[in-house]
């Protein structure tokens, strides 16, 4: 699914950049993209994918930490503790200023 979405996005971008249809066609495509982004089914799917990603990341964290144990460098361990504390206190932003919704 990800590759199809990337392909479609590239196709649309190529069309917009390469077309001579003018501003009217660009506005039409922009409106269609906004409608797609506001579609409840699309939003729910994106939220579900984000939730599953967080679940898998948590499982992977536990699997890796069980195998790595105390062999992790102090700088990495400190960073993990900082991130864990930030998550525990409910901060909704990461280092890049995006929310974890």
PDB file of N, CA and C in Angstrom:
ATOM      1  N   UNK A   1       0.826  -1.183   0.000  1.00  0.00           N
ATOM      2  CA  UNK A   1       0.000   0.000   0.000  1.00  0.00           C
ATOM      3  C   UNK A   1       0.873   1.251   0.000  1.00  0.00           C
ATOM      4  N   UNK A   2       1.938   1.236   0.768  1.00  0.00           N
ATOM      5  CA  UNK A   2       2.817   2.390   0.867  1.00  0.00           C
ATOM      6  C   UNK A   2       3.427   2.724  -0.487  1.00  0.00           C
ATOM      7  N   UNK A   3       3.817   1.685  -1.239  1.00  0.00           N
ATOM      8  CA  UNK A   3       4.439   1.902  -2.532  1.00  0.00           C
ATOM      9  C   UNK A   3       3.430   2.434  -3.541  1.00  0.00           C
ATOM     10  N   UNK A   4       2.196   1.983  -3.452  1.00  0.00           N
ATOM     11  CA  UNK A   4       1.161   2.508  -4.342  1.00  0.00           C
ATOM     12  C   UNK A   4       0.910   3.984  -4.058  1.00  0.00           C
ATOM     13  N   UNK A   5       0.835   4.313  -2.777  1.00  0.00           N
ATOM     14  CA  UNK A   5       0.599   5.701  -2.398  1.00  0.00           C
ATOM     15  C   UNK A   5       1.757   6.584  -2.855  1.00  0.00           C
ATOM     16  N   UNK A   6       2.976   6.111  -2.697  1.00  0.00           N
ATOM     17  CA  UNK A   6       4.143   6.865  -3.155  1.00  0.00           C
ATOM     18  C   UNK A   6       4.101   7.039  -4.667  1.00  0.00           C
ATOM     19  N   UNK A   7       3.735   5.995  -5.380  1.00  0.00           N
ATOM     20  CA  UNK A   7       3.650   6.076  -6.830  1.00  0.00           C
ATOM     21  C   UNK A   7       2.596   7.086  -7.249  1.00  0.00           C
ATOM     22  N   UNK A   8       1.423   7.028  -6.659  1.00  0.00           N
ATOM     23  CA  UNK A   8       0.347   7.957  -7.001  1.00  0.00           C
ATOM     24  C   UNK A   8       0.752   9.390  -6.678  1.00  0.00           C
ATOM     25  N   UNK A   9       1.380   9.594  -5.518  1.00  0.00           N
ATOM     26  CA  UNK A   9       1.825  10.934  -5.154  1.00  0.00           C
ATOM     27  C   UNK A   9       2.857  11.446  -6.160  1.00  0.00           C
ATOM     28  N   UNK A  10       3.776  10.609  -6.580  1.00  0.00           N
ATOM     29  CA  UNK A  10       4.758  11.003  -7.586  1.00  0.00           C
ATOM     30  C   UNK A  10       4.122  11.294  -8.926  1.00  0.00           C
ATOM     31  N   UNK A  11       3.135  10.494  -9.286  1.00  0.00           N
ATOM     32  CA  UNK A  11       2.408  10.710 -10.533  1.00  0.00           C
ATOM     33  C   UNK A  11       1.689  12.052 -10.525  1.00  0.00           C
ATOM     34  N   UNK A  12       1.014  12.346  -9.431  1.00  0.00           N
ATOM     35  CA  UNK A  12       0.304  13.614  -9.303  1.00  0.00           C
ATOM     36  C   UNK A  12       1.288  14.781  -9.322  1.00  0.00           C
ATOM     37  N   UNK A  13       2.370  14.658  -8.585  1.00  0.00           N
ATOM     38  CA  UNK A  13       3.370  15.719  -8.541  1.00  0.00           C
ATOM     39  C   UNK A  13       3.964  15.952  -9.930  1.00  0.00           C
ATOM     40  N   UNK A  14       4.275  14.879 -10.631  1.00  0.00           N
ATOM     41  CA  UNK A  14       4.795  15.014 -11.993  1.00  0.00           C
ATOM     42  C   UNK A  14       3.807  15.678 -12.912  1.00  0.00           C
ATOM     43  N   UNK A  15       2.563  15.317 -12.763  1.00  0.00           N
ATOM     44  CA  UNK A  15       1.535  15.941 -13.595  1.00  0.00           C
ATOM     45  C   UNK A  15       1.420  17.427 -13.299  1.00  0.00           C
ATOM     46  N   UNK A  16       1.379  17.771 -12.014  1.00  0.00           N
ATOM     47  CA  UNK A  16       1.236  19.177 -11.634  1.00  0.00           C
ATOM     48  C   UNK A  16       2.427  19.985 -12.127  1.00  0.00           C
ATOM     49  N   UNK A  17       3.622  19.449 -11.951  1.00  0.00           N
ATOM     50  CA  UNK A  17       4.810  20.186 -12.362  1.00  0.00           C
ATOM     51  C   UNK A  17       4.983  20.219 -13.877  1.00  0.00           C
ATOM     52  N   UNK A  18       4.541  19.188 -14.558  1.00  0.00           N
ATOM     53  CA  UNK A  18       4.772  19.105 -15.989  1.00  0.00           C
ATOM     54  C   UNK A  18       3.610  19.547 -16.859  1.00  0.00           C
ATOM     55  N   UNK A  19       2.500  19.829 -16.277  1.00  0.00           N
ATOM     56  CA  UNK A  19       1.316  20.137 -17.066  1.00  0.00           C
ATOM     57  C   UNK A  19       1.302  21.587 -17.537  1.00  0.00           C
ATOM     58  N   UNK A  20       0.570  21.776 -18.570  1.00  0.00           N
ATOM     59  CA  UNK A  20       0.336  23.134 -19.058  1.00  0.00           C
ATOM     60  C   UNK A  20      -1.143  23.467 -18.920  1.00  0.00           C
ATOM     61  N   UNK A  21      -1.827  22.715 -18.075  1.00  0.00           N
ATOM     62  CA  UNK A  21      -3.261  22.910 -17.896  1.00  0.00           C
ATOM     63  C   UNK A  21      -3.572  24.206 -17.157  1.00  0.00           C
ATOM     64  N   UNK A  22      -2.605  24.715 -16.427  1.00  0.00           N
ATOM     65  CA  UNK A  22      -2.791  26.008 -15.796  1.00  0.00           C
ATOM     66  C   UNK A  22      -3.263  25.923 -14.363  1.00  0.00           C
ATOM     67  N   UNK A  23      -3.524  27.083 -13.835  1.00  0.00           N
ATOM     68  CA  UNK A  23      -3.884  27.242 -12.435  1.00  0.00           C
ATOM     69  C   UNK A  23      -5.206  26.560 -12.095  1.00  0.00           C
ATOM     70  N   UNK A  24      -6.142  26.565 -13.026  1.00  0.00           N
ATOM     71  CA  UNK A  24      -7.458  25.985 -12.766  1.00  0.00           C
ATOM     72  C   UNK A  24      -7.351  24.488 -12.461  1.00  0.00           C
ATOM     73  N   UNK A  25      -6.582  23.765 -13.245  1.00  0.00           N
ATOM     74  CA  UNK A  25      -6.401  22.327 -13.015  1.00  0.00           C
ATOM     75  C   UNK A  25      -5.645  22.084 -11.713  1.00  0.00           C
ATOM     76  N   UNK A  26      -4.659  22.930 -11.424  1.00  0.00           N
ATOM     77  CA  UNK A  26      -3.917  22.815 -10.172  1.00  0.00           C
ATOM     78  C   UNK A  26      -4.843  22.977  -8.978  1.00  0.00           C
ATOM     79  N   UNK A  27      -5.723  23.977  -9.023  1.00  0.00           N
ATOM     80  CA  UNK A  27      -6.670  24.201  -7.927  1.00  0.00           C
ATOM     81  C   UNK A  27      -7.637  23.024  -7.789  1.00  0.00           C
ATOM     82  N   UNK A  28      -8.019  22.440  -8.909  1.00  0.00           N
ATOM     83  CA  UNK A  28      -8.906  21.277  -8.875  1.00  0.00           C
ATOM     84  C   UNK A  28      -8.209  20.093  -8.187  1.00  0.00           C
ATOM     85  N   UNK A  29      -6.953  19.851  -8.539  1.00  0.00           N
ATOM     86  CA  UNK A  29      -6.202  18.770  -7.898  1.00  0.00           C
ATOM     87  C   UNK A  29      -5.998  19.046  -6.411  1.00  0.00           C
ATOM     88  N   UNK A  30      -5.710  20.285  -6.079  1.00  0.00           N
ATOM     89  CA  UNK A  30      -5.508  20.661  -4.686  1.00  0.00           C
ATOM     90  C   UNK A  30      -6.784  20.430  -3.869  1.00  0.00           C
ATOM     91  N   UNK A  31      -7.911  20.799  -4.435  1.00  0.00           N
ATOM     92  CA  UNK A  31      -9.200  20.600  -3.759  1.00  0.00           C
ATOM     93  C   UNK A  31      -9.469  19.104  -3.552  1.00  0.00           C
ATOM     94  N   UNK A  32      -9.173  18.294  -4.565  1.00  0.00           N
ATOM     95  CA  UNK A  32      -9.373  16.844  -4.453  1.00  0.00           C
ATOM     96  C   UNK A  32      -8.477  16.249  -3.372  1.00  0.00           C
ATOM     97  N   UNK A  33      -7.232  16.716  -3.311  1.00  0.00           N
ATOM     98  CA  UNK A  33      -6.311  16.222  -2.287  1.00  0.00           C
ATOM     99  C   UNK A  33      -6.790  16.597  -0.889  1.00  0.00           C
ATOM    100  N   UNK A  34      -7.299  17.804  -0.736  1.00  0.00           N
ATOM    101  CA  UNK A  34      -7.811  18.235   0.574  1.00  0.00           C
ATOM    102  C   UNK A  34      -9.029  17.407   0.974  1.00  0.00           C
ATOM    103  N   UNK A  35      -9.903  17.126   0.028  1.00  0.00           N
ATOM    104  CA  UNK A  35     -11.072  16.296   0.328  1.00  0.00           C
ATOM    105  C   UNK A  35     -10.650  14.893   0.742  1.00  0.00           C
ATOM    106  N   UNK A  36      -9.649  14.359   0.060  1.00  0.00           N
ATOM    107  CA  UNK A  36      -9.151  13.033   0.417  1.00  0.00           C
ATOM    108  C   UNK A  36      -8.555  13.044   1.819  1.00  0.00           C
ATOM    109  N   UNK A  37      -7.796  14.071   2.135  1.00  0.00           N
ATOM    110  CA  UNK A  37      -7.169  14.166   3.452  1.00  0.00           C
ATOM    111  C   UNK A  37      -8.205  14.335   4.562  1.00  0.00           C
ATOM    112  N   UNK A  38      -9.323  14.952   4.268  1.00  0.00           N
ATOM    113  CA  UNK A  38     -10.361  15.176   5.265  1.00  0.00           C
ATOM    114  C   UNK A  38     -11.358  14.016   5.360  1.00  0.00           C
ATOM    115  N   UNK A  39     -11.225  13.030   4.485  1.00  0.00           N
ATOM    116  CA  UNK A  39     -12.114  11.886   4.482  1.00  0.00           C
ATOM    117  C   UNK A  39     -11.941  11.103   5.787  1.00  0.00           C
ATOM    118  N   UNK A  40     -13.035  10.848   6.500  1.00  0.00           N
ATOM    119  CA  UNK A  40     -12.925  10.122   7.778  1.00  0.00           C
ATOM    120  C   UNK A  40     -12.293   8.736   7.640  1.00  0.00           C
ATOM    121  N   UNK A  41     -12.567   8.043   6.560  1.00  0.00           N
ATOM    122  CA  UNK A  41     -11.983   6.712   6.378  1.00  0.00           C
ATOM    123  C   UNK A  41     -10.468   6.800   6.232  1.00  0.00           C
ATOM    124  N   UNK A  42      -9.997   7.794   5.503  1.00  0.00           N
ATOM    125  CA  UNK A  42      -8.560   7.975   5.322  1.00  0.00           C
ATOM    126  C   UNK A  42      -7.910   8.363   6.643  1.00  0.00           C
ATOM    127  N   UNK A  43      -8.543   9.256   7.374  1.00  0.00           N
ATOM    128  CA  UNK A  43      -8.000   9.686   8.663  1.00  0.00           C
ATOM    129  C   UNK A  43      -7.952   8.526   9.649  1.00  0.00           C
ATOM    130  N   UNK A  44      -9.021   7.712   9.682  1.00  0.00           N
ATOM    131  CA  UNK A  44      -9.045   6.563  10.588  1.00  0.00           C
ATOM    132  C   UNK A  44      -7.953   5.562  10.233  1.00  0.00           C
ATOM    133  N   UNK A  45      -7.759   5.339   8.936  1.00  0.00           N
ATOM    134  CA  UNK A  45      -6.717   4.415   8.501  1.00  0.00           C
ATOM    135  C   UNK A  45      -5.338   4.929   8.911  1.00  0.00           C
ATOM    136  N   UNK A  46      -5.109   6.220   8.744  1.00  0.00           N
ATOM    137  CA  UNK A  46      -3.821   6.808   9.132  1.00  0.00           C
ATOM    138  C   UNK A  46      -3.607   6.702  10.638  1.00  0.00           C
ATOM    139  N   UNK A  47      -4.644   6.956  11.420  1.00  0.00           N
ATOM    140  CA  UNK A  47      -4.529   6.848  12.876  1.00  0.00           C
ATOM    141  C   UNK A  47      -4.272   5.410  13.300  1.00  0.00           C
ATOM    142  N   UNK A  48      -4.949   4.469  12.652  1.00  0.00           N
ATOM    143  CA  UNK A  48      -4.750   3.056  12.954  1.00  0.00           C
ATOM    144  C   UNK A  48      -3.314   2.635  12.628  1.00  0.00           C
ATOM    145  N   UNK A  49      -2.813   3.080  11.482  1.00  0.00           N
ATOM    146  CA  UNK A  49      -1.441   2.748  11.099  1.00  0.00           C
ATOM    147  C   UNK A  49      -0.446   3.339  12.097  1.00  0.00           C
ATOM    148  N   UNK A  50      -0.686   4.562  12.544  1.00  0.00           N
ATOM    149  CA  UNK A  50       0.210   5.184  13.520  1.00  0.00           C
ATOM    150  C   UNK A  50       0.179   4.422  14.846  1.00  0.00           C
ATOM    151  N   UNK A  51      -1.013   4.008  15.266  1.00  0.00           N
ATOM    152  CA  UNK A  51      -1.151   3.257  16.520  1.00  0.00           C
ATOM    153  C   UNK A  51      -0.420   1.915  16.429  1.00  0.00           C
ATOM    154  N   UNK A  52      -0.606   1.223  15.305  1.00  0.00           N
ATOM    155  CA  UNK A  52       0.074  -0.059  15.129  1.00  0.00           C
ATOM    156  C   UNK A  52       1.587   0.125  15.091  1.00  0.00           C
ATOM    157  N   UNK A  53       2.039   1.205  14.477  1.00  0.00           N
ATOM    158  CA  UNK A  53       3.469   1.491  14.439  1.00  0.00           C
ATOM    159  C   UNK A  53       4.038   1.677  15.831  1.00  0.00           C
ATOM    160  N   UNK A  54       3.285   2.396  16.678  1.00  0.00           N
ATOM    161  CA  UNK A  54       3.747   2.591  18.055  1.00  0.00           C
ATOM    162  C   UNK A  54       3.762   1.264  18.817  1.00  0.00           C
ATOM    163  N   UNK A  55       2.767   0.415  18.584  1.00  0.00           N
ATOM    164  CA  UNK A  55       2.737  -0.899  19.247  1.00  0.00           C
ATOM    165  C   UNK A  55       3.937  -1.750  18.828  1.00  0.00           C
ATOM    166  N   UNK A  56       4.201  -1.796  17.515  1.00  0.00           N
ATOM    167  CA  UNK A  56       5.326  -2.592  17.019  1.00  0.00           C
ATOM    168  C   UNK A  56       6.650  -2.029  17.522  1.00  0.00           C
ATOM    169  N   UNK A  57       6.750  -0.716  17.597  1.00  0.00           N
ATOM    170  CA  UNK A  57       7.984  -0.105  18.109  1.00  0.00           C
ATOM    171  C   UNK A  57       8.188  -0.483  19.571  1.00  0.00           C
ATOM    172  N   UNK A  58       7.116  -0.520  20.343  1.00  0.00           N
ATOM    173  CA  UNK A  58       7.222  -0.929  21.745  1.00  0.00           C
ATOM    174  C   UNK A  58       7.665  -2.368  21.884  1.00  0.00           C
ATOM    175  N   UNK A  59       7.100  -3.240  21.052  1.00  0.00           N
ATOM    176  CA  UNK A  59       7.499  -4.646  21.086  1.00  0.00           C
ATOM    177  C   UNK A  59       8.955  -4.806  20.672  1.00  0.00           C
ATOM    178  N   UNK A  60       9.351  -4.078  19.645  1.00  0.00           N
ATOM    179  CA  UNK A  60      10.741  -4.149  19.186  1.00  0.00           C
ATOM    180  C   UNK A  60      11.688  -3.626  20.250  1.00  0.00           C
ATOM    181  N   UNK A  61      11.279  -2.575  20.943  1.00  0.00           N
ATOM    182  CA  UNK A  61      12.111  -2.021  22.013  1.00  0.00           C
ATOM    183  C   UNK A  61      12.375  -3.080  23.082  1.00  0.00           C
ATOM    184  N   UNK A  62      11.318  -3.777  23.492  1.00  0.00           N
ATOM    185  CA  UNK A  62      11.484  -4.796  24.532  1.00  0.00           C
ATOM    186  C   UNK A  62      12.357  -5.960  24.041  1.00  0.00           C
ATOM    187  N   UNK A  63      12.162  -6.354  22.787  1.00  0.00           N
ATOM    188  CA  UNK A  63      12.967  -7.451  22.241  1.00  0.00           C
ATOM    189  C   UNK A  63      14.444  -7.065  22.175  1.00  0.00           C
ATOM    190  N   UNK A  64      14.712  -5.846  21.743  1.00  0.00           N
ATOM    191  CA  UNK A  64      16.103  -5.396  21.635  1.00  0.00           C
ATOM    192  C   UNK A  64      16.710  -5.195  23.006  1.00  0.00           C
ATOM    193  N   UNK A  65      15.960  -4.581  23.918  1.00  0.00           N
ATOM    194  CA  UNK A  65      16.520  -4.322  25.245  1.00  0.00           C
ATOM    195  C   UNK A  65      16.803  -5.625  25.991  1.00  0.00           C
ATOM    196  N   UNK A  66      16.009  -6.671  25.752  1.00  0.00           N
ATOM    197  CA  UNK A  66      16.292  -7.968  26.371  1.00  0.00           C
ATOM    198  C   UNK A  66      17.604  -8.554  25.850  1.00  0.00           C
ATOM    199  N   UNK A  67      17.878  -8.357  24.562  1.00  0.00           N
ATOM    200  CA  UNK A  67      19.087  -8.913  23.974  1.00  0.00           C
ATOM    201  C   UNK A  67      20.314  -8.052  24.254  1.00  0.00           C
ATOM    202  N   UNK A  68      20.144  -6.743  24.286  1.00  0.00           N
ATOM    203  CA  UNK A  68      21.277  -5.839  24.463  1.00  0.00           C
ATOM    204  C   UNK A  68      21.663  -5.744  25.927  1.00  0.00           C
ATOM    205  N   UNK A  69      20.664  -5.612  26.769  1.00  0.00           N
ATOM    206  CA  UNK A  69      20.920  -5.555  28.205  1.00  0.00           C
ATOM    207  C   UNK A  69      21.755  -4.359  28.610  1.00  0.00           C
ATOM    208  N   UNK A  70      22.811  -4.595  29.374  1.00  0.00           N
ATOM    209  CA  UNK A  70      23.658  -3.525  29.889  1.00  0.00           C
ATOM    210  C   UNK A  70      24.792  -3.148  28.945  1.00  0.00           C
ATOM    211  N   UNK A  71      24.819  -3.717  27.769  1.00  0.00           N
ATOM    212  CA  UNK A  71      25.908  -3.426  26.838  1.00  0.00           C
ATOM    213  C   UNK A  71      25.682  -2.147  26.048  1.00  0.00           C
ATOM    214  N   UNK A  72      24.618  -1.452  26.339  1.00  0.00           N
ATOM    215  CA  UNK A  72      24.304  -0.223  25.624  1.00  0.00           C
ATOM    216  C   UNK A  72      25.158   0.923  26.174  1.00  0.00           C
ATOM    217  N   UNK A  73      25.705   1.791  25.298  1.00  0.00           N
ATOM    218  CA  UNK A  73      26.491   2.929  25.774  1.00  0.00           C
ATOM    219  C   UNK A  73      25.644   3.854  26.656  1.00  0.00           C
ATOM    220  N   UNK A  74      26.291   4.514  27.588  1.00  0.00           N
ATOM    221  CA  UNK A  74      25.578   5.390  28.518  1.00  0.00           C
ATOM    222  C   UNK A  74      24.814   6.498  27.811  1.00  0.00           C
ATOM    223  N   UNK A  75      25.374   7.052  26.744  1.00  0.00           N
ATOM    224  CA  UNK A  75      24.701   8.141  26.033  1.00  0.00           C
ATOM    225  C   UNK A  75      23.378   7.674  25.439  1.00  0.00           C
ATOM    226  N   UNK A  76      23.358   6.463  24.899  1.00  0.00           N
ATOM    227  CA  UNK A  76      22.130   5.920  24.328  1.00  0.00           C
ATOM    228  C   UNK A  76      21.140   5.597  25.434  1.00  0.00           C
ATOM    229  N   UNK A  77      21.611   5.016  26.512  1.00  0.00           N
ATOM    230  CA  UNK A  77      20.735   4.685  27.632  1.00  0.00           C
ATOM    231  C   UNK A  77      20.087   5.941  28.204  1.00  0.00           C
ATOM    232  N   UNK A  78      20.869   7.015  28.329  1.00  0.00           N
ATOM    233  CA  UNK A  78      20.325   8.275  28.846  1.00  0.00           C
ATOM    234  C   UNK A  78      19.265   8.827  27.901  1.00  0.00           C
ATOM    235  N   UNK A  79      19.500   8.753  26.616  1.00  0.00           N
ATOM    236  CA  UNK A  79      18.531   9.247  25.630  1.00  0.00           C
ATOM    237  C   UNK A  79      17.232   8.453  25.720  1.00  0.00           C
ATOM    238  N   UNK A  80      17.327   7.153  25.855  1.00  0.00           N
ATOM    239  CA  UNK A  80      16.134   6.309  25.974  1.00  0.00           C
ATOM    240  C   UNK A  80      15.361   6.670  27.244  1.00  0.00           C
ATOM    241  N   UNK A  81      16.069   6.863  28.359  1.00  0.00           N
ATOM    242  CA  UNK A  81      15.398   7.247  29.602  1.00  0.00           C
ATOM    243  C   UNK A  81      14.684   8.588  29.451  1.00  0.00           C
ATOM    244  N   UNK A  82      15.342   9.535  28.780  1.00  0.00           N
ATOM    245  CA  UNK A  82      14.737  10.849  28.573  1.00  0.00           C
ATOM    246  C   UNK A  82      13.466  10.738  27.742  1.00  0.00           C
ATOM    247  N   UNK A  83      13.532   9.959  26.676  1.00  0.00           N
ATOM    248  CA  UNK A  83      12.352   9.778  25.832  1.00  0.00           C
ATOM    249  C   UNK A  83      11.229   9.062  26.579  1.00  0.00           C
ATOM    250  N   UNK A  84      11.604   8.072  27.391  1.00  0.00           N
ATOM    251  CA  UNK A  84      10.602   7.341  28.160  1.00  0.00           C
ATOM    252  C   UNK A  84       9.917   8.263  29.168  1.00  0.00           C
ATOM    253  N   UNK A  85      10.688   9.113  29.837  1.00  0.00           N
ATOM    254  CA  UNK A  85      10.108  10.063  30.798  1.00  0.00           C
ATOM    255  C   UNK A  85       9.199  11.063  30.101  1.00  0.00           C
ATOM    256  N   UNK A  86       9.633  11.545  28.957  1.00  0.00           N
ATOM    257  CA  UNK A  86       8.817  12.503  28.206  1.00  0.00           C
ATOM    258  C   UNK A  86       7.486  11.882  27.816  1.00  0.00           C
ATOM    259  N   UNK A  87       7.517  10.619  27.383  1.00  0.00           N
ATOM    260  CA  UNK A  87       6.297   9.920  27.000  1.00  0.00           C
ATOM    261  C   UNK A  87       5.414   9.677  28.218  1.00  0.00           C
ATOM    262  N   UNK A  88       6.017   9.343  29.342  1.00  0.00           N
ATOM    263  CA  UNK A  88       5.254   9.070  30.553  1.00  0.00           C
ATOM    264  C   UNK A  88       4.546  10.313  31.071  1.00  0.00           C
ATOM    265  N   UNK A  89       5.151  11.476  30.858  1.00  0.00           N
ATOM    266  CA  UNK A  89       4.551  12.723  31.330  1.00  0.00           C
ATOM    267  C   UNK A  89       3.554  13.300  30.340  1.00  0.00           C
ATOM    268  N   UNK A  90       3.339  12.629  29.217  1.00  0.00           N
ATOM    269  CA  UNK A  90       2.295  13.031  28.278  1.00  0.00           C
ATOM    270  C   UNK A  90       2.676  14.140  27.324  1.00  0.00           C
ATOM    271  N   UNK A  91       3.934  14.378  27.118  1.00  0.00           N
ATOM    272  CA  UNK A  91       4.336  15.381  26.133  1.00  0.00           C
ATOM    273  C   UNK A  91       3.968  14.872  24.752  1.00  0.00           C
ATOM    274  N   UNK A  92       3.259  15.683  23.970  1.00  0.00           N
ATOM    275  CA  UNK A  92       2.778  15.256  22.670  1.00  0.00           C
ATOM    276  C   UNK A  92       3.700  15.611  21.530  1.00  0.00           C
ATOM    277  N   UNK A  93       4.883  16.141  21.807  1.00  0.00           N
ATOM    278  CA  UNK A  93       5.763  16.526  20.717  1.00  0.00           C
ATOM    279  C   UNK A  93       7.107  15.817  20.829  1.00  0.00           C
ATOM    280  N   UNK A  94       7.700  15.577  19.680  1.00  0.00           N
ATOM    281  CA  UNK A  94       9.035  15.004  19.660  1.00  0.00           C
ATOM    282  C   UNK A  94      10.044  16.090  19.312  1.00  0.00           C
ATOM    283  N   UNK A  95      11.276  15.702  19.048  1.00  0.00           N
ATOM    284  CA  UNK A  95      12.331  16.674  18.776  1.00  0.00           C
ATOM    285  C   UNK A  95      12.113  17.474  17.502  1.00  0.00           C
ATOM    286  N   UNK A  96      11.274  16.993  16.624  1.00  0.00           N
ATOM    287  CA  UNK A  96      11.060  17.674  15.350  1.00  0.00           C
ATOM    288  C   UNK A  96       9.823  18.553  15.371  1.00  0.00           C
ATOM    289  N   UNK A  97       9.157  18.653  16.500  1.00  0.00           N
ATOM    290  CA  UNK A  97       8.004  19.533  16.628  1.00  0.00           C
ATOM    291  C   UNK A  97       6.707  18.937  16.096  1.00  0.00           C
ATOM    292  N   UNK A  98       6.688  17.633  15.867  1.00  0.00           N
ATOM    293  CA  UNK A  98       5.461  16.995  15.394  1.00  0.00           C
ATOM    294  C   UNK A  98       4.784  16.307  16.568  1.00  0.00           C
ATOM    295  N   UNK A  99       3.502  16.133  16.442  1.00  0.00           N
ATOM    296  CA  UNK A  99       2.762  15.490  17.529  1.00  0.00           C
ATOM    297  C   UNK A  99       2.723  13.997  17.336  1.00  0.00           C
ATOM    298  N   UNK A 100       2.537  13.282  18.404  1.00  0.00           N
ATOM    299  CA  UNK A 100       2.428  11.817  18.378  1.00  0.00           C
ATOM    300  C   UNK A 100       0.965  11.422  18.494  1.00  0.00           C
ATOM    301  N   UNK A 101       0.169  11.821  17.532  1.00  0.00           N
ATOM    302  CA  UNK A 101      -1.256  11.515  17.569  1.00  0.00           C
ATOM    303  C   UNK A 101      -1.586  10.263  16.876  1.00  0.00           C
TER     304      UNK A 101
END
